[in-house]
Amino acid sequence: MFVDELNITYNKISGSYPDNSVRKNYFLAACMVYIQRESPHMDEEELGAIMTDMDMRSPYGGFIGMGKSKWDGRLRKLKIIRLHAVLHDAGGHVKKRHNIGPGYTYAGMCCSFNSPYRGHFSGVNYCLFAKLFCRSYRELEL
């Protein structure tokens, strides 16, 4: 399951971005997982450049809502929603900026229409499924 890869990648990269919040580093970890799934032979230098770009261009990556939204303050107590925000933002940003990965509809909805709104229903359900059936969900530091 994706949550296992996310935890492993987060543990690898969190030291590279010590000034970021935990959620921002989970966002970057999700970006890296999406990129490595579709481009497994990408060299370290190119991947590092993409990650630095994602870090600088996405100051609110992994936050709930668009930008610095009030939704983050209201919903951040819900781990399922925090995880969804991380995966949703990462999928969308990687697709938009580099045309790699699943896009905002990261949770199995294969379609050509990649809308931020379309991915919310399937994404929150995916995160609920992860909470109920994935042991590594409890290990998330989100």
N, C-alpha and C. Protein backbone atom coordinates (compact mmCIF):
# COMPACT_ATOMS: atom_id res chain seq x y z
N MET A 1 0.84 -1.19 0.00
CA MET A 1 0.00 0.00 0.00
C MET A 1 0.88 1.25 0.00
N PHE A 2 0.36 2.31 -0.53
CA PHE A 2 1.09 3.57 -0.70
C PHE A 2 1.60 4.13 0.63
N VAL A 3 0.88 3.92 1.71
CA VAL A 3 1.26 4.49 3.01
C VAL A 3 2.62 3.93 3.46
N ASP A 4 2.90 2.67 3.16
CA ASP A 4 4.20 2.09 3.50
C ASP A 4 5.33 2.83 2.80
N GLU A 5 5.18 3.04 1.49
CA GLU A 5 6.18 3.78 0.72
C GLU A 5 6.33 5.21 1.22
N LEU A 6 5.22 5.82 1.58
CA LEU A 6 5.24 7.19 2.07
C LEU A 6 6.05 7.32 3.35
N ASN A 7 5.85 6.41 4.29
CA ASN A 7 6.61 6.44 5.54
C ASN A 7 8.11 6.25 5.30
N ILE A 8 8.46 5.30 4.46
CA ILE A 8 9.88 5.04 4.16
C ILE A 8 10.52 6.25 3.52
N THR A 9 9.84 6.84 2.54
CA THR A 9 10.39 7.99 1.84
C THR A 9 10.46 9.21 2.76
N TYR A 10 9.45 9.40 3.58
CA TYR A 10 9.49 10.50 4.55
C TYR A 10 10.71 10.38 5.45
N ASN A 11 10.97 9.20 5.95
CA ASN A 11 12.13 9.00 6.83
C ASN A 11 13.44 9.29 6.11
N LYS A 12 13.49 9.04 4.81
CA LYS A 12 14.70 9.31 4.03
C LYS A 12 14.91 10.80 3.80
N ILE A 13 13.83 11.53 3.50
CA ILE A 13 14.01 12.93 3.08
C ILE A 13 13.83 13.96 4.18
N SER A 14 13.25 13.60 5.30
CA SER A 14 12.94 14.62 6.31
C SER A 14 14.19 15.35 6.79
N GLY A 15 15.33 14.69 6.80
CA GLY A 15 16.57 15.36 7.21
C GLY A 15 17.07 16.36 6.18
N SER A 16 16.64 16.21 4.94
CA SER A 16 17.08 17.12 3.88
C SER A 16 16.35 18.46 3.91
N TYR A 17 15.21 18.50 4.59
CA TYR A 17 14.40 19.72 4.66
C TYR A 17 14.02 19.99 6.12
N PRO A 18 15.01 20.28 6.97
CA PRO A 18 14.72 20.40 8.40
C PRO A 18 13.87 21.61 8.78
N ASP A 19 13.80 22.61 7.93
CA ASP A 19 13.02 23.81 8.25
C ASP A 19 11.54 23.67 7.90
N ASN A 20 11.20 22.61 7.18
CA ASN A 20 9.80 22.39 6.80
C ASN A 20 9.00 21.78 7.93
N SER A 21 7.70 21.97 7.86
CA SER A 21 6.81 21.29 8.80
C SER A 21 6.77 19.80 8.44
N VAL A 22 6.28 19.00 9.36
CA VAL A 22 6.16 17.56 9.12
C VAL A 22 5.26 17.32 7.91
N ARG A 23 4.14 18.01 7.83
CA ARG A 23 3.22 17.81 6.71
C ARG A 23 3.85 18.21 5.38
N LYS A 24 4.61 19.28 5.38
CA LYS A 24 5.29 19.69 4.13
C LYS A 24 6.27 18.62 3.69
N ASN A 25 6.98 18.01 4.64
CA ASN A 25 7.91 16.94 4.28
C ASN A 25 7.18 15.68 3.83
N TYR A 26 6.01 15.41 4.39
CA TYR A 26 5.20 14.30 3.87
C TYR A 26 4.73 14.60 2.45
N PHE A 27 4.38 15.84 2.20
CA PHE A 27 4.01 16.26 0.85
C PHE A 27 5.15 15.98 -0.12
N LEU A 28 6.37 16.39 0.26
CA LEU A 28 7.53 16.15 -0.60
C LEU A 28 7.81 14.65 -0.77
N ALA A 29 7.61 13.89 0.31
CA ALA A 29 7.79 12.44 0.22
C ALA A 29 6.79 11.83 -0.76
N ALA A 30 5.54 12.29 -0.71
CA ALA A 30 4.53 11.79 -1.64
C ALA A 30 4.89 12.17 -3.08
N CYS A 31 5.37 13.40 -3.27
CA CYS A 31 5.83 13.81 -4.60
C CYS A 31 6.91 12.86 -5.10
N MET A 32 7.86 12.56 -4.24
CA MET A 32 8.96 11.68 -4.63
C MET A 32 8.46 10.27 -4.98
N VAL A 33 7.54 9.76 -4.20
CA VAL A 33 6.99 8.42 -4.48
C VAL A 33 6.29 8.42 -5.83
N TYR A 34 5.46 9.44 -6.11
CA TYR A 34 4.77 9.51 -7.40
C TYR A 34 5.77 9.56 -8.55
N ILE A 35 6.82 10.36 -8.40
CA ILE A 35 7.82 10.50 -9.45
C ILE A 35 8.58 9.19 -9.65
N GLN A 36 9.01 8.58 -8.56
CA GLN A 36 9.78 7.35 -8.68
C GLN A 36 8.96 6.18 -9.22
N ARG A 37 7.67 6.18 -8.98
CA ARG A 37 6.81 5.12 -9.54
C ARG A 37 6.75 5.20 -11.06
N GLU A 38 6.71 6.41 -11.60
CA GLU A 38 6.58 6.57 -13.05
C GLU A 38 7.92 6.74 -13.75
N SER A 39 8.94 7.15 -13.03
CA SER A 39 10.27 7.34 -13.63
C SER A 39 11.31 6.68 -12.73
N PRO A 40 11.29 5.35 -12.61
CA PRO A 40 12.16 4.68 -11.65
C PRO A 40 13.65 4.81 -11.94
N HIS A 41 13.99 5.15 -13.18
CA HIS A 41 15.40 5.24 -13.55
C HIS A 41 15.92 6.67 -13.58
N MET A 42 15.15 7.61 -13.03
CA MET A 42 15.58 9.01 -12.99
C MET A 42 16.82 9.11 -12.09
N ASP A 43 17.83 9.85 -12.56
CA ASP A 43 19.05 9.94 -11.75
C ASP A 43 18.84 10.85 -10.53
N GLU A 44 19.67 10.66 -9.54
CA GLU A 44 19.55 11.37 -8.26
C GLU A 44 19.59 12.89 -8.42
N GLU A 45 20.44 13.37 -9.32
CA GLU A 45 20.58 14.81 -9.51
C GLU A 45 19.30 15.44 -10.05
N GLU A 46 18.70 14.80 -11.04
CA GLU A 46 17.46 15.31 -11.61
C GLU A 46 16.32 15.24 -10.58
N LEU A 47 16.24 14.13 -9.86
CA LEU A 47 15.22 13.99 -8.82
C LEU A 47 15.40 15.05 -7.74
N GLY A 48 16.65 15.29 -7.34
CA GLY A 48 16.93 16.32 -6.34
C GLY A 48 16.50 17.71 -6.81
N ALA A 49 16.73 18.00 -8.09
CA ALA A 49 16.33 19.30 -8.64
C ALA A 49 14.80 19.44 -8.64
N ILE A 50 14.11 18.37 -8.99
CA ILE A 50 12.64 18.41 -8.98
C ILE A 50 12.13 18.60 -7.56
N MET A 51 12.73 17.90 -6.60
CA MET A 51 12.29 18.02 -5.22
C MET A 51 12.52 19.43 -4.68
N THR A 52 13.65 20.02 -5.01
CA THR A 52 13.94 21.39 -4.58
C THR A 52 12.93 22.36 -5.20
N ASP A 53 12.61 22.13 -6.47
CA ASP A 53 11.59 22.94 -7.15
C ASP A 53 10.24 22.81 -6.47
N MET A 54 9.84 21.57 -6.14
CA MET A 54 8.56 21.35 -5.48
C MET A 54 8.53 22.01 -4.10
N ASP A 55 9.65 21.96 -3.40
CA ASP A 55 9.72 22.58 -2.08
C ASP A 55 9.54 24.09 -2.17
N MET A 56 10.22 24.72 -3.13
CA MET A 56 10.16 26.17 -3.25
C MET A 56 8.83 26.67 -3.84
N ARG A 57 8.27 25.95 -4.80
CA ARG A 57 7.07 26.41 -5.50
C ARG A 57 5.77 26.04 -4.80
N SER A 58 5.84 25.21 -3.80
CA SER A 58 4.62 24.75 -3.12
C SER A 58 4.70 25.04 -1.63
N PRO A 59 4.64 26.30 -1.24
CA PRO A 59 4.82 26.63 0.18
C PRO A 59 3.73 26.04 1.08
N TYR A 60 2.56 25.77 0.52
CA TYR A 60 1.47 25.23 1.32
C TYR A 60 1.13 23.79 0.93
N GLY A 61 2.06 23.11 0.32
CA GLY A 61 1.84 21.72 -0.07
C GLY A 61 1.53 20.86 1.15
N GLY A 62 0.45 20.12 1.10
CA GLY A 62 0.05 19.27 2.21
C GLY A 62 -0.89 19.92 3.19
N PHE A 63 -1.14 21.21 3.02
CA PHE A 63 -2.10 21.90 3.89
C PHE A 63 -3.50 21.64 3.39
N ILE A 64 -4.48 21.76 4.24
CA ILE A 64 -5.87 21.52 3.88
C ILE A 64 -6.44 22.80 3.29
N GLY A 65 -6.99 22.71 2.10
CA GLY A 65 -7.54 23.87 1.42
C GLY A 65 -6.53 24.49 0.48
N MET A 66 -6.97 25.52 -0.21
CA MET A 66 -6.10 26.20 -1.17
C MET A 66 -5.28 27.27 -0.46
N GLY A 67 -3.96 27.20 -0.61
CA GLY A 67 -3.10 28.18 0.01
C GLY A 67 -3.16 28.12 1.53
N LYS A 68 -3.15 29.28 2.13
CA LYS A 68 -3.25 29.36 3.59
C LYS A 68 -4.72 29.54 3.95
N SER A 69 -5.43 28.45 3.90
CA SER A 69 -6.89 28.45 4.04
C SER A 69 -7.33 28.26 5.48
N LYS A 70 -8.52 28.75 5.78
CA LYS A 70 -9.12 28.52 7.10
C LYS A 70 -9.46 27.04 7.29
N TRP A 71 -9.61 26.30 6.19
CA TRP A 71 -9.94 24.88 6.29
C TRP A 71 -8.86 24.12 7.06
N ASP A 72 -7.62 24.54 6.91
CA ASP A 72 -6.54 23.84 7.61
C ASP A 72 -6.73 23.94 9.12
N GLY A 73 -7.06 25.10 9.61
CA GLY A 73 -7.28 25.28 11.04
C GLY A 73 -8.48 24.50 11.55
N ARG A 74 -9.48 24.34 10.70
CA ARG A 74 -10.71 23.66 11.12
C ARG A 74 -10.62 22.15 11.05
N LEU A 75 -9.87 21.63 10.08
CA LEU A 75 -9.88 20.18 9.85
C LEU A 75 -8.57 19.46 10.17
N ARG A 76 -7.55 20.19 10.60
CA ARG A 76 -6.26 19.54 10.79
C ARG A 76 -6.21 18.53 11.94
N LYS A 77 -7.22 18.49 12.77
CA LYS A 77 -7.26 17.50 13.84
C LYS A 77 -7.57 16.10 13.31
N LEU A 78 -8.07 16.02 12.09
CA LEU A 78 -8.45 14.74 11.50
C LEU A 78 -7.30 14.19 10.65
N LYS A 79 -6.68 13.14 11.12
CA LYS A 79 -5.52 12.57 10.44
C LYS A 79 -5.86 12.09 9.03
N ILE A 80 -7.06 11.56 8.85
CA ILE A 80 -7.49 11.11 7.53
C ILE A 80 -7.46 12.29 6.55
N ILE A 81 -7.93 13.44 6.98
CA ILE A 81 -7.98 14.62 6.11
C ILE A 81 -6.56 15.15 5.88
N ARG A 82 -5.71 15.11 6.89
CA ARG A 82 -4.31 15.55 6.70
C ARG A 82 -3.61 14.67 5.67
N LEU A 83 -3.80 13.36 5.78
CA LEU A 83 -3.20 12.44 4.81
C LEU A 83 -3.75 12.71 3.42
N HIS A 84 -5.05 12.88 3.32
CA HIS A 84 -5.64 13.17 2.01
C HIS A 84 -5.06 14.47 1.43
N ALA A 85 -4.91 15.50 2.23
CA ALA A 85 -4.36 16.76 1.74
C ALA A 85 -2.95 16.56 1.19
N VAL A 86 -2.14 15.78 1.89
CA VAL A 86 -0.77 15.51 1.45
C VAL A 86 -0.78 14.79 0.10
N LEU A 87 -1.53 13.69 0.00
CA LEU A 87 -1.55 12.89 -1.22
C LEU A 87 -2.19 13.63 -2.38
N HIS A 88 -3.26 14.35 -2.10
CA HIS A 88 -3.99 15.12 -3.11
C HIS A 88 -3.11 16.23 -3.69
N ASP A 89 -2.50 17.01 -2.81
CA ASP A 89 -1.64 18.10 -3.27
C ASP A 89 -0.44 17.57 -4.05
N ALA A 90 0.19 16.53 -3.52
CA ALA A 90 1.37 15.98 -4.19
C ALA A 90 1.01 15.45 -5.58
N GLY A 91 -0.07 14.68 -5.67
CA GLY A 91 -0.49 14.15 -6.97
C GLY A 91 -0.78 15.26 -7.96
N GLY A 92 -1.49 16.28 -7.50
CA GLY A 92 -1.84 17.39 -8.38
C GLY A 92 -0.65 18.22 -8.81
N HIS A 93 0.22 18.55 -7.87
CA HIS A 93 1.38 19.39 -8.19
C HIS A 93 2.36 18.69 -9.11
N VAL A 94 2.62 17.42 -8.87
CA VAL A 94 3.57 16.69 -9.72
C VAL A 94 3.01 16.56 -11.14
N LYS A 95 1.72 16.30 -11.23
CA LYS A 95 1.09 16.19 -12.56
C LYS A 95 1.11 17.53 -13.29
N LYS A 96 0.76 18.59 -12.56
CA LYS A 96 0.67 19.91 -13.17
C LYS A 96 2.05 20.43 -13.60
N ARG A 97 3.05 20.26 -12.76
CA ARG A 97 4.36 20.85 -13.03
C ARG A 97 5.25 19.97 -13.92
N HIS A 98 5.13 18.65 -13.80
CA HIS A 98 6.06 17.76 -14.49
C HIS A 98 5.38 16.70 -15.35
N ASN A 99 4.05 16.72 -15.39
CA ASN A 99 3.26 15.74 -16.14
C ASN A 99 3.63 14.30 -15.78
N ILE A 100 3.81 14.07 -14.49
CA ILE A 100 4.13 12.75 -13.94
C ILE A 100 3.12 12.47 -12.85
N GLY A 101 2.76 11.22 -12.69
CA GLY A 101 1.93 10.83 -11.56
C GLY A 101 0.44 10.86 -11.85
N PRO A 102 -0.35 10.57 -10.83
CA PRO A 102 -1.79 10.38 -11.01
C PRO A 102 -2.61 11.65 -11.09
N GLY A 103 -2.10 12.74 -10.63
CA GLY A 103 -2.89 13.96 -10.57
C GLY A 103 -3.72 14.00 -9.29
N TYR A 104 -4.67 14.91 -9.25
CA TYR A 104 -5.49 15.08 -8.05
C TYR A 104 -6.36 13.86 -7.77
N THR A 105 -6.68 13.10 -8.79
CA THR A 105 -7.48 11.89 -8.59
C THR A 105 -6.54 10.71 -8.36
N TYR A 106 -5.80 10.77 -7.28
CA TYR A 106 -4.73 9.80 -6.99
C TYR A 106 -5.24 8.44 -6.54
N ALA A 107 -6.48 8.33 -6.17
CA ALA A 107 -6.98 7.11 -5.53
C ALA A 107 -7.75 6.21 -6.48
N GLY A 108 -7.17 5.91 -7.60
CA GLY A 108 -7.75 4.89 -8.47
C GLY A 108 -8.79 5.33 -9.46
N MET A 109 -9.13 6.59 -9.50
CA MET A 109 -10.12 7.04 -10.49
C MET A 109 -9.39 7.43 -11.77
N CYS A 110 -9.25 6.51 -12.66
CA CYS A 110 -8.56 6.76 -13.92
C CYS A 110 -9.48 7.50 -14.87
N CYS A 111 -9.11 8.69 -15.17
CA CYS A 111 -9.91 9.46 -16.13
C CYS A 111 -9.04 10.58 -16.68
N SER A 112 -9.42 11.11 -17.81
CA SER A 112 -8.65 12.17 -18.43
C SER A 112 -8.92 13.53 -17.77
N PHE A 113 -10.01 13.63 -17.05
CA PHE A 113 -10.38 14.88 -16.40
C PHE A 113 -9.76 14.92 -15.01
N ASN A 114 -8.72 15.70 -14.83
CA ASN A 114 -7.97 15.74 -13.59
C ASN A 114 -8.33 17.00 -12.82
N SER A 115 -9.38 16.95 -12.05
CA SER A 115 -9.86 18.10 -11.31
C SER A 115 -9.56 17.94 -9.82
N PRO A 116 -9.16 19.02 -9.15
CA PRO A 116 -8.95 18.93 -7.70
C PRO A 116 -10.21 18.47 -6.98
N TYR A 117 -11.38 18.86 -7.46
CA TYR A 117 -12.62 18.51 -6.78
C TYR A 117 -13.01 17.04 -6.97
N ARG A 118 -12.75 16.52 -8.13
CA ARG A 118 -13.09 15.13 -8.42
C ARG A 118 -12.32 14.15 -7.53
N GLY A 119 -11.10 14.49 -7.17
CA GLY A 119 -10.28 13.60 -6.37
C GLY A 119 -10.61 13.57 -4.89
N HIS A 120 -11.43 14.47 -4.40
CA HIS A 120 -11.71 14.51 -2.97
C HIS A 120 -12.51 13.29 -2.49
N PHE A 121 -13.54 12.92 -3.19
CA PHE A 121 -14.37 11.80 -2.75
C PHE A 121 -13.57 10.50 -2.70
N SER A 122 -12.93 10.16 -3.80
CA SER A 122 -12.16 8.91 -3.82
C SER A 122 -10.96 8.98 -2.89
N GLY A 123 -10.36 10.15 -2.77
CA GLY A 123 -9.18 10.29 -1.92
C GLY A 123 -9.47 10.13 -0.44
N VAL A 124 -10.53 10.76 0.03
CA VAL A 124 -10.88 10.63 1.45
C VAL A 124 -11.28 9.19 1.75
N ASN A 125 -11.98 8.55 0.82
CA ASN A 125 -12.32 7.14 1.02
C ASN A 125 -11.07 6.27 1.06
N TYR A 126 -10.11 6.56 0.20
CA TYR A 126 -8.84 5.83 0.21
C TYR A 126 -8.15 5.98 1.57
N CYS A 127 -8.11 7.19 2.09
CA CYS A 127 -7.45 7.44 3.38
C CYS A 127 -8.20 6.76 4.52
N LEU A 128 -9.51 6.71 4.45
CA LEU A 128 -10.29 5.97 5.44
C LEU A 128 -9.95 4.48 5.37
N PHE A 129 -9.86 3.95 4.16
CA PHE A 129 -9.47 2.55 3.97
C PHE A 129 -8.08 2.31 4.57
N ALA A 130 -7.14 3.23 4.33
CA ALA A 130 -5.79 3.09 4.88
C ALA A 130 -5.83 3.06 6.41
N LYS A 131 -6.66 3.92 7.00
CA LYS A 131 -6.77 3.94 8.46
C LYS A 131 -7.28 2.60 8.99
N LEU A 132 -8.24 2.03 8.32
CA LEU A 132 -8.87 0.81 8.80
C LEU A 132 -8.04 -0.45 8.53
N PHE A 133 -7.28 -0.47 7.44
CA PHE A 133 -6.67 -1.72 7.01
C PHE A 133 -5.15 -1.70 6.83
N CYS A 134 -4.51 -0.57 7.02
CA CYS A 134 -3.06 -0.49 6.81
C CYS A 134 -2.36 -0.23 8.13
N ARG A 135 -1.54 -1.16 8.56
CA ARG A 135 -0.85 -1.01 9.84
C ARG A 135 0.06 0.21 9.88
N SER A 136 0.69 0.52 8.77
CA SER A 136 1.64 1.64 8.78
C SER A 136 0.94 3.00 8.87
N TYR A 137 -0.38 3.05 8.75
CA TYR A 137 -1.12 4.30 8.93
C TYR A 137 -0.85 4.86 10.33
N ARG A 138 -0.79 3.99 11.31
CA ARG A 138 -0.55 4.44 12.69
C ARG A 138 0.84 5.05 12.86
N GLU A 139 1.78 4.67 11.99
CA GLU A 139 3.15 5.18 12.07
C GLU A 139 3.31 6.56 11.45
N LEU A 140 2.32 7.00 10.69
CA LEU A 140 2.40 8.32 10.09
C LEU A 140 2.50 9.38 11.17
N GLU A 141 3.43 10.29 11.03
CA GLU A 141 3.63 11.35 12.02
C GLU A 141 2.85 12.60 11.67
N LEU A 142 1.95 12.49 10.73
CA LEU A 142 1.18 13.64 10.24
C LEU A 142 0.48 14.38 11.37
